[in-house]
C-alpha atoms as a PDB file:
ATOM      1  CA  UNK A   1      50.395 138.832 -43.900  1.00  0.00           C
ATOM      2  CA  UNK A   2      47.065 139.642 -42.280  1.00  0.00           C
ATOM      3  CA  UNK A   3      45.215 137.846 -39.582  1.00  0.00           C
ATOM      4  CA  UNK A   4      42.573 135.247 -40.484  1.00  0.00           C
ATOM      5  CA  UNK A   5      39.943 137.756 -39.376  1.00  0.00           C
ATOM      6  CA  UNK A   6      41.285 140.195 -41.999  1.00  0.00           C
ATOM      7  CA  UNK A   7      40.698 137.801 -44.892  1.00  0.00           C
ATOM      8  CA  UNK A   8      37.771 138.745 -47.118  1.00  0.00           C
ATOM      9  CA  UNK A   9      34.747 136.482 -47.328  1.00  0.00           C
ATOM     10  CA  UNK A  10      32.750 136.020 -50.514  1.00  0.00           C
ATOM     11  CA  UNK A  11      29.148 137.028 -50.203  1.00  0.00           C
ATOM     12  CA  UNK A  12      26.329 135.769 -52.413  1.00  0.00           C
ATOM     13  CA  UNK A  13      26.548 139.011 -54.393  1.00  0.00           C
ATOM     14  CA  UNK A  14      30.216 138.333 -55.163  1.00  0.00           C
ATOM     15  CA  UNK A  15      31.490 141.315 -53.152  1.00  0.00           C
ATOM     16  CA  UNK A  16      34.190 140.582 -50.557  1.00  0.00           C
ATOM     17  CA  UNK A  17      33.258 141.112 -46.913  1.00  0.00           C
ATOM     18  CA  UNK A  18      35.525 141.391 -43.882  1.00  0.00           C
ATOM     19  CA  UNK A  19      35.199 139.206 -40.804  1.00  0.00           C
ATOM     20  CA  UNK A  20      34.874 141.042 -37.556  1.00  0.00           C
ATOM     21  CA  UNK A  21      36.039 139.918 -34.143  1.00  0.00           C
ATOM     22  CA  UNK A  22      36.299 136.263 -33.250  1.00  0.00           C
ATOM     23  CA  UNK A  23      35.323 133.473 -35.630  1.00  0.00           C
ATOM     24  CA  UNK A  24      31.689 133.980 -36.528  1.00  0.00           C
ATOM     25  CA  UNK A  25      31.173 130.916 -38.742  1.00  0.00           C
ATOM     26  CA  UNK A  26      31.485 127.213 -38.120  1.00  0.00           C
ATOM     27  CA  UNK A  27      31.032 124.881 -41.049  1.00  0.00           C
ATOM     28  CA  UNK A  28      29.727 127.754 -43.163  1.00  0.00           C
ATOM     29  CA  UNK A  29      26.984 128.584 -40.638  1.00  0.00           C
ATOM     30  CA  UNK A  30      26.912 131.555 -38.283  1.00  0.00           C
ATOM     31  CA  UNK A  31      28.093 130.604 -34.791  1.00  0.00           C
ATOM     32  CA  UNK A  32      27.689 132.200 -31.402  1.00  0.00           C
ATOM     33  CA  UNK A  33      31.183 133.447 -30.462  1.00  0.00           C
ATOM     34  CA  UNK A  34      30.326 132.979 -26.783  1.00  0.00           C
ATOM     35  CA  UNK A  35      29.171 129.377 -27.102  1.00  0.00           C
ATOM     36  CA  UNK A  36      30.942 127.176 -24.572  1.00  0.00           C
ATOM     37  CA  UNK A  37      32.500 130.166 -22.834  1.00  0.00           C
ATOM     38  CA  UNK A  38      32.147 130.535 -19.071  1.00  0.00           C
ATOM     39  CA  UNK A  39      29.448 133.159 -18.290  1.00  0.00           C
ATOM     40  CA  UNK A  40      31.954 135.471 -16.608  1.00  0.00           C
ATOM     41  CA  UNK A  41      34.125 135.415 -19.726  1.00  0.00           C
ATOM     42  CA  UNK A  42      31.334 136.159 -22.228  1.00  0.00           C
ATOM     43  CA  UNK A  43      31.837 139.284 -24.300  1.00  0.00           C
ATOM     44  CA  UNK A  44      29.862 142.132 -22.829  1.00  0.00           C
ATOM     45  CA  UNK A  45      27.360 144.057 -24.884  1.00  0.00           C
ATOM     46  CA  UNK A  46      29.477 146.276 -27.159  1.00  0.00           C
ATOM     47  CA  UNK A  47      26.989 149.117 -26.707  1.00  0.00           C
ATOM     48  CA  UNK A  48      27.800 149.201 -22.986  1.00  0.00           C
ATOM     49  CA  UNK A  49      30.580 151.568 -21.966  1.00  0.00           C
ATOM     50  CA  UNK A  50      33.655 149.800 -20.588  1.00  0.00           C
ATOM     51  CA  UNK A  51      33.627 149.200 -16.846  1.00  0.00           C
ATOM     52  CA  UNK A  52      37.095 150.645 -16.393  1.00  0.00           C
ATOM     53  CA  UNK A  53      37.457 154.338 -15.807  1.00  0.00           C
ATOM     54  CA  UNK A  54      38.663 155.976 -18.984  1.00  0.00           C
ATOM     55  CA  UNK A  55      39.434 159.645 -18.514  1.00  0.00           C
ATOM     56  CA  UNK A  56      37.686 162.099 -20.783  1.00  0.00           C
ATOM     57  CA  UNK A  57      40.253 164.849 -20.385  1.00  0.00           C
ATOM     58  CA  UNK A  58      43.844 165.396 -19.253  1.00  0.00           C
ATOM     59  CA  UNK A  59      42.555 166.826 -15.958  1.00  0.00           C
ATOM     60  CA  UNK A  60      40.557 163.651 -15.293  1.00  0.00           C
ATOM     61  CA  UNK A  61      43.645 161.560 -16.052  1.00  0.00           C
ATOM     62  CA  UNK A  62      45.722 163.572 -13.587  1.00  0.00           C
ATOM     63  CA  UNK A  63      43.001 163.198 -10.948  1.00  0.00           C
ATOM     64  CA  UNK A  64      42.857 159.420 -11.550  1.00  0.00           C
ATOM     65  CA  UNK A  65      46.630 159.116 -11.212  1.00  0.00           C
ATOM     66  CA  UNK A  66      46.595 161.086  -7.968  1.00  0.00           C
ATOM     67  CA  UNK A  67      44.242 158.573  -6.351  1.00  0.00           C
ATOM     68  CA  UNK A  68      45.633 155.740  -4.299  1.00  0.00           C
ATOM     69  CA  UNK A  69      45.648 152.574  -6.402  1.00  0.00           C
ATOM     70  CA  UNK A  70      45.628 150.301  -3.387  1.00  0.00           C
ATOM     71  CA  UNK A  71      42.811 151.083  -0.958  1.00  0.00           C
ATOM     72  CA  UNK A  72      43.903 148.097   1.145  1.00  0.00           C
ATOM     73  CA  UNK A  73      47.159 149.976   1.828  1.00  0.00           C
ATOM     74  CA  UNK A  74      46.185 153.505   2.835  1.00  0.00           C
ATOM     75  CA  UNK A  75      48.837 156.199   2.704  1.00  0.00           C
ATOM     76  CA  UNK A  76      50.752 156.322   5.944  1.00  0.00           C
ATOM     77  CA  UNK A  77      51.741 159.555   7.566  1.00  0.00           C
ATOM     78  CA  UNK A  78      55.422 160.376   7.141  1.00  0.00           C
ATOM     79  CA  UNK A  79      57.599 159.961  10.209  1.00  0.00           C
ATOM     80  CA  UNK A  80      59.528 162.973  11.490  1.00  0.00           C
ATOM     81  CA  UNK A  81      62.781 161.400  10.289  1.00  0.00           C
ATOM     82  CA  UNK A  82      61.461 160.845   6.753  1.00  0.00           C
ATOM     83  CA  UNK A  83      60.013 164.351   6.643  1.00  0.00           C
ATOM     84  CA  UNK A  84      63.388 165.763   7.709  1.00  0.00           C
ATOM     85  CA  UNK A  85      65.162 163.947   4.852  1.00  0.00           C
ATOM     86  CA  UNK A  86      62.528 165.090   2.345  1.00  0.00           C
ATOM     87  CA  UNK A  87      62.882 168.679   3.563  1.00  0.00           C
ATOM     88  CA  UNK A  88      66.663 168.464   3.087  1.00  0.00           C
ATOM     89  CA  UNK A  89      66.194 167.141  -0.437  1.00  0.00           C
ATOM     90  CA  UNK A  90      63.831 170.034  -1.224  1.00  0.00           C
ATOM     91  CA  UNK A  91      66.444 172.541   0.012  1.00  0.00           C
ATOM     92  CA  UNK A  92      69.196 171.100  -2.181  1.00  0.00           C
ATOM     93  CA  UNK A  93      69.712 172.527  -5.634  1.00  0.00           C
ATOM     94  CA  UNK A  94      70.214 169.279  -7.546  1.00  0.00           C
ATOM     95  CA  UNK A  95      69.912 168.527 -11.228  1.00  0.00           C
ATOM     96  CA  UNK A  96      67.564 165.922 -12.645  1.00  0.00           C
ATOM     97  CA  UNK A  97      70.512 163.542 -13.150  1.00  0.00           C
ATOM     98  CA  UNK A  98      71.518 163.964  -9.497  1.00  0.00           C
ATOM     99  CA  UNK A  99      67.923 163.357  -8.403  1.00  0.00           C
ATOM    100  CA  UNK A 100      67.993 160.188 -10.496  1.00  0.00           C
ATOM    101  CA  UNK A 101      71.166 159.053  -8.706  1.00  0.00           C
ATOM    102  CA  UNK A 102      69.518 159.661  -5.323  1.00  0.00           C
ATOM    103  CA  UNK A 103      66.421 157.709  -6.380  1.00  0.00           C
ATOM    104  CA  UNK A 104      68.555 154.858  -7.749  1.00  0.00           C
ATOM    105  CA  UNK A 105      70.493 154.659  -4.489  1.00  0.00           C
ATOM    106  CA  UNK A 106      67.257 154.389  -2.497  1.00  0.00           C
ATOM    107  CA  UNK A 107      65.761 151.783  -4.835  1.00  0.00           C
ATOM    108  CA  UNK A 108      68.994 149.744  -4.772  1.00  0.00           C
ATOM    109  CA  UNK A 109      68.965 149.877  -0.971  1.00  0.00           C
ATOM    110  CA  UNK A 110      65.377 148.592  -0.833  1.00  0.00           C
ATOM    111  CA  UNK A 111      66.090 145.965  -3.477  1.00  0.00           C
ATOM    112  CA  UNK A 112      69.116 144.699  -1.528  1.00  0.00           C
ATOM    113  CA  UNK A 113      67.088 144.564   1.678  1.00  0.00           C
ATOM    114  CA  UNK A 114      64.379 142.503  -0.011  1.00  0.00           C
ATOM    115  CA  UNK A 115      66.941 140.155  -1.563  1.00  0.00           C
ATOM    116  CA  UNK A 116      68.522 139.581   1.872  1.00  0.00           C
ATOM    117  CA  UNK A 117      65.144 138.852   3.468  1.00  0.00           C
ATOM    118  CA  UNK A 118      64.311 136.359   0.703  1.00  0.00           C
ATOM    119  CA  UNK A 119      67.648 134.574   1.211  1.00  0.00           C
ATOM    120  CA  UNK A 120      67.100 134.437   4.991  1.00  0.00           C
ATOM    121  CA  UNK A 121      63.579 133.076   4.544  1.00  0.00           C
ATOM    122  CA  UNK A 122      64.758 130.440   2.064  1.00  0.00           C
ATOM    123  CA  UNK A 123      67.255 129.207   4.676  1.00  0.00           C
ATOM    124  CA  UNK A 124      64.586 129.205   7.417  1.00  0.00           C
ATOM    125  CA  UNK A 125      62.611 125.963   7.422  1.00  0.00           C
ATOM    126  CA  UNK A 126      59.778 127.600   9.374  1.00  0.00           C
ATOM    127  CA  UNK A 127      59.251 130.378   6.839  1.00  0.00           C
ATOM    128  CA  UNK A 128      55.973 130.206   4.974  1.00  0.00           C
ATOM    129  CA  UNK A 129      56.185 129.677   1.236  1.00  0.00           C
ATOM    130  CA  UNK A 130      53.622 132.446   0.662  1.00  0.00           C
ATOM    131  CA  UNK A 131      55.821 134.941   2.527  1.00  0.00           C
ATOM    132  CA  UNK A 132      58.864 133.994   0.467  1.00  0.00           C
ATOM    133  CA  UNK A 133      56.810 134.440  -2.693  1.00  0.00           C
ATOM    134  CA  UNK A 134      55.491 137.842  -1.572  1.00  0.00           C
ATOM    135  CA  UNK A 135      58.961 139.139  -0.703  1.00  0.00           C
ATOM    136  CA  UNK A 136      60.365 137.726  -3.962  1.00  0.00           C
ATOM    137  CA  UNK A 137      57.664 139.463  -5.990  1.00  0.00           C
ATOM    138  CA  UNK A 138      58.414 142.754  -4.246  1.00  0.00           C
ATOM    139  CA  UNK A 139      62.159 142.265  -4.844  1.00  0.00           C
ATOM    140  CA  UNK A 140      61.400 141.662  -8.523  1.00  0.00           C
ATOM    141  CA  UNK A 141      59.264 144.809  -8.680  1.00  0.00           C
ATOM    142  CA  UNK A 142      62.088 146.818  -7.158  1.00  0.00           C
ATOM    143  CA  UNK A 143      64.562 145.342  -9.649  1.00  0.00           C
ATOM    144  CA  UNK A 144      62.277 146.279 -12.550  1.00  0.00           C
ATOM    145  CA  UNK A 145      61.799 149.766 -11.101  1.00  0.00           C
ATOM    146  CA  UNK A 146      65.576 150.160 -10.852  1.00  0.00           C
ATOM    147  CA  UNK A 147      66.046 149.004 -14.443  1.00  0.00           C
ATOM    148  CA  UNK A 148      63.387 151.444 -15.664  1.00  0.00           C
ATOM    149  CA  UNK A 149      64.897 154.278 -13.657  1.00  0.00           C
ATOM    150  CA  UNK A 150      68.372 153.458 -15.002  1.00  0.00           C
ATOM    151  CA  UNK A 151      67.014 153.560 -18.556  1.00  0.00           C
ATOM    152  CA  UNK A 152      65.888 157.180 -18.225  1.00  0.00           C
ATOM    153  CA  UNK A 153      68.432 159.379 -20.027  1.00  0.00           C
ATOM    154  CA  UNK A 154      68.673 162.763 -18.333  1.00  0.00           C
ATOM    155  CA  UNK A 155      71.957 163.980 -19.762  1.00  0.00           C
END
């Protein structure tokens, strides 16, 4: 079954016409689809290009993905200890499945840490609600990341 906007309309010439977009008629008369809509929510001019950056080529997509998504959190320099671990991982000859196990272990460790912090904050009467929410959201993100990583079949 189609959407109401897919239903043909009868024109005066008897030929069916298709509706486009939101409801365009009210009581048989053309209506402004943006009537009563907050100005910030009004449909933009369809001739304008979208404001979001849409890559025009695979190279542009790769360049967009390489950029930091969160300018408020600039990339931090790696500590010597972290760099040492990363160097050791590079030296190892591991399979993709083994790399997945390493990544899962790290994500589980972070997820457990976040869960513990949330539980401690819930027990602390002086903890701010906004902090508990922020840590809970991050714990949820880590859980979802773990689930996605577990769903990747590398064997």
